[in-house]
Amino acid sequence: MIINLLLVVHIIAAVVIIALVLLQHGKGADAGAAFGGGSQTAFGARGSANFLSRTTAVVVTLFFITSLSLGYLYTHRSKPQSVSQRLEQSQSVTIPAKQSDKKVPTKPDPVTGQGGVPVVPK
């Protein structure tokens, strides 16, 4: 149960990191604004860089923690999770008995009179 919850948080964090990185301006974006291409942002000229970079740092930290937690939980599982492991545990392994060198007693066949019919003990 906890693994599923961590996995959902991990996937959401990954998608949020991708979105935050795509929203951030690169270092070359300021050079374009210096030649007349001013950009209007909701956070101000420098406010967006601080907000987005801090939010990215928090989400990356969350992603890192969920990565380590999922790795730890998956390696310390006690029950098998694959189908082949479940089948191996559900089937009991039977070892055939050793064949003895003793000959099985036989008696003659009542119809043909020839030997070869094994005697079944009663």
Protein backbone atom coordinates (compact mmCIF):
# COMPACT_ATOMS: atom_id res chain seq x y z
CA MET A 1 0.00 0.00 0.00
CA ILE A 2 2.75 2.45 0.96
CA ILE A 3 4.68 1.48 -2.15
CA ASN A 4 1.74 2.39 -4.39
CA LEU A 5 1.33 5.75 -2.66
CA LEU A 6 5.05 6.52 -2.99
CA LEU A 7 4.97 5.48 -6.64
CA VAL A 8 2.11 7.90 -7.38
CA VAL A 9 3.93 10.75 -5.59
CA HIS A 10 7.11 9.86 -7.49
CA ILE A 11 5.39 10.01 -10.88
CA ILE A 12 3.63 13.28 -10.05
CA ALA A 13 6.94 14.79 -8.90
CA ALA A 14 8.60 13.73 -12.16
CA VAL A 15 5.89 15.40 -14.25
CA VAL A 16 6.05 18.57 -12.14
CA ILE A 17 9.85 18.72 -12.51
CA ILE A 18 9.50 18.49 -16.29
CA ALA A 19 6.92 21.29 -16.32
CA LEU A 20 8.99 23.53 -14.02
CA VAL A 21 12.15 23.07 -16.05
CA LEU A 22 10.31 23.91 -19.26
CA LEU A 23 8.84 27.07 -17.69
CA GLN A 24 12.20 28.44 -16.60
CA HIS A 25 14.15 30.81 -18.81
CA GLY A 26 17.63 29.89 -19.86
CA LYS A 27 20.66 32.09 -19.45
CA GLY A 28 20.39 33.24 -23.06
CA ALA A 29 16.82 34.52 -22.61
CA ASP A 30 18.04 37.75 -20.96
CA ALA A 31 20.22 38.60 -23.95
CA GLY A 32 17.16 38.67 -26.23
CA ALA A 33 15.34 40.99 -23.84
CA ALA A 34 18.28 43.46 -23.92
CA PHE A 35 17.71 44.09 -27.65
CA GLY A 36 14.09 45.16 -27.35
CA GLY A 37 12.28 41.87 -26.80
CA GLY A 38 11.02 42.62 -23.29
CA SER A 39 9.13 39.84 -21.57
CA GLN A 40 6.08 40.35 -19.38
CA THR A 41 5.85 37.90 -16.49
CA ALA A 42 3.39 37.48 -13.66
CA PHE A 43 6.18 37.38 -11.07
CA GLY A 44 8.27 40.33 -12.22
CA ALA A 45 11.66 40.25 -13.93
CA ARG A 46 13.59 38.41 -11.20
CA GLY A 47 10.69 37.08 -9.14
CA SER A 48 9.92 34.24 -11.52
CA ALA A 49 13.48 32.96 -11.44
CA ASN A 50 13.49 32.75 -7.64
CA PHE A 51 10.01 31.23 -7.37
CA LEU A 52 10.53 28.65 -10.14
CA SER A 53 14.04 27.70 -9.05
CA ARG A 54 13.02 27.26 -5.41
CA THR A 55 9.94 25.26 -6.35
CA THR A 56 12.07 23.09 -8.63
CA ALA A 57 14.55 22.48 -5.81
CA VAL A 58 11.76 21.40 -3.44
CA VAL A 59 10.18 19.04 -5.99
CA VAL A 60 13.58 17.58 -6.94
CA THR A 61 14.24 16.90 -3.24
CA LEU A 62 10.86 15.14 -2.98
CA PHE A 63 11.67 13.13 -6.12
CA PHE A 64 15.04 12.12 -4.67
CA ILE A 65 13.49 11.02 -1.36
CA THR A 66 10.78 8.98 -3.08
CA SER A 67 13.42 7.37 -5.34
CA LEU A 68 15.47 6.24 -2.36
CA SER A 69 12.39 5.10 -0.45
CA LEU A 70 11.04 3.07 -3.36
CA GLY A 71 14.43 1.49 -3.94
CA TYR A 72 14.70 0.49 -0.29
CA LEU A 73 11.16 -0.88 -0.10
CA TYR A 74 11.44 -2.88 -3.32
CA THR A 75 14.71 -4.52 -2.27
CA HIS A 76 13.41 -5.49 1.18
CA ARG A 77 10.22 -7.21 0.13
CA SER A 78 9.64 -10.62 1.66
CA LYS A 79 6.98 -12.10 -0.58
CA PRO A 80 7.57 -12.93 -4.26
CA GLN A 81 5.98 -10.62 -6.78
CA SER A 82 6.60 -12.26 -10.13
CA VAL A 83 4.36 -14.94 -11.58
CA SER A 84 7.19 -17.46 -11.88
CA GLN A 85 8.12 -17.03 -8.22
CA ARG A 86 4.51 -17.53 -7.16
CA LEU A 87 4.28 -20.70 -9.24
CA GLU A 88 7.51 -22.04 -7.78
CA GLN A 89 6.23 -21.56 -4.24
CA SER A 90 2.76 -22.96 -4.89
CA GLN A 91 4.04 -26.16 -6.49
CA SER A 92 5.63 -28.64 -4.18
CA VAL A 93 8.83 -30.14 -5.47
CA THR A 94 8.68 -33.92 -5.47
CA ILE A 95 11.84 -35.95 -5.73
CA PRO A 96 11.29 -39.35 -7.32
CA ALA A 97 12.33 -42.36 -5.26
CA LYS A 98 15.47 -44.17 -6.25
CA GLN A 99 15.01 -47.13 -8.52
CA SER A 100 16.22 -50.24 -6.81
CA ASP A 101 18.16 -52.94 -8.57
CA LYS A 102 15.70 -55.57 -7.35
CA LYS A 103 13.77 -57.38 -10.01
CA VAL A 104 10.00 -57.25 -9.87
CA PRO A 105 8.63 -60.78 -9.40
CA THR A 106 6.66 -62.02 -12.39
CA LYS A 107 4.44 -65.00 -13.06
CA PRO A 108 3.35 -66.60 -16.29
CA ASP A 109 0.44 -65.02 -18.13
CA PRO A 110 -2.63 -67.21 -17.68
CA VAL A 111 -3.83 -66.70 -21.28
CA THR A 112 -0.61 -67.14 -23.24
CA GLY A 113 1.35 -69.14 -20.71
CA GLN A 114 4.37 -66.94 -21.16
CA GLY A 115 6.08 -65.00 -18.34
CA GLY A 116 6.29 -61.27 -17.87
CA VAL A 117 3.19 -60.28 -15.89
CA PRO A 118 4.29 -58.50 -12.68
CA VAL A 119 2.95 -59.80 -9.39
CA VAL A 120 1.06 -57.16 -7.41
CA PRO A 121 1.40 -57.62 -3.64
CA LYS A 122 -1.91 -57.81 -1.77
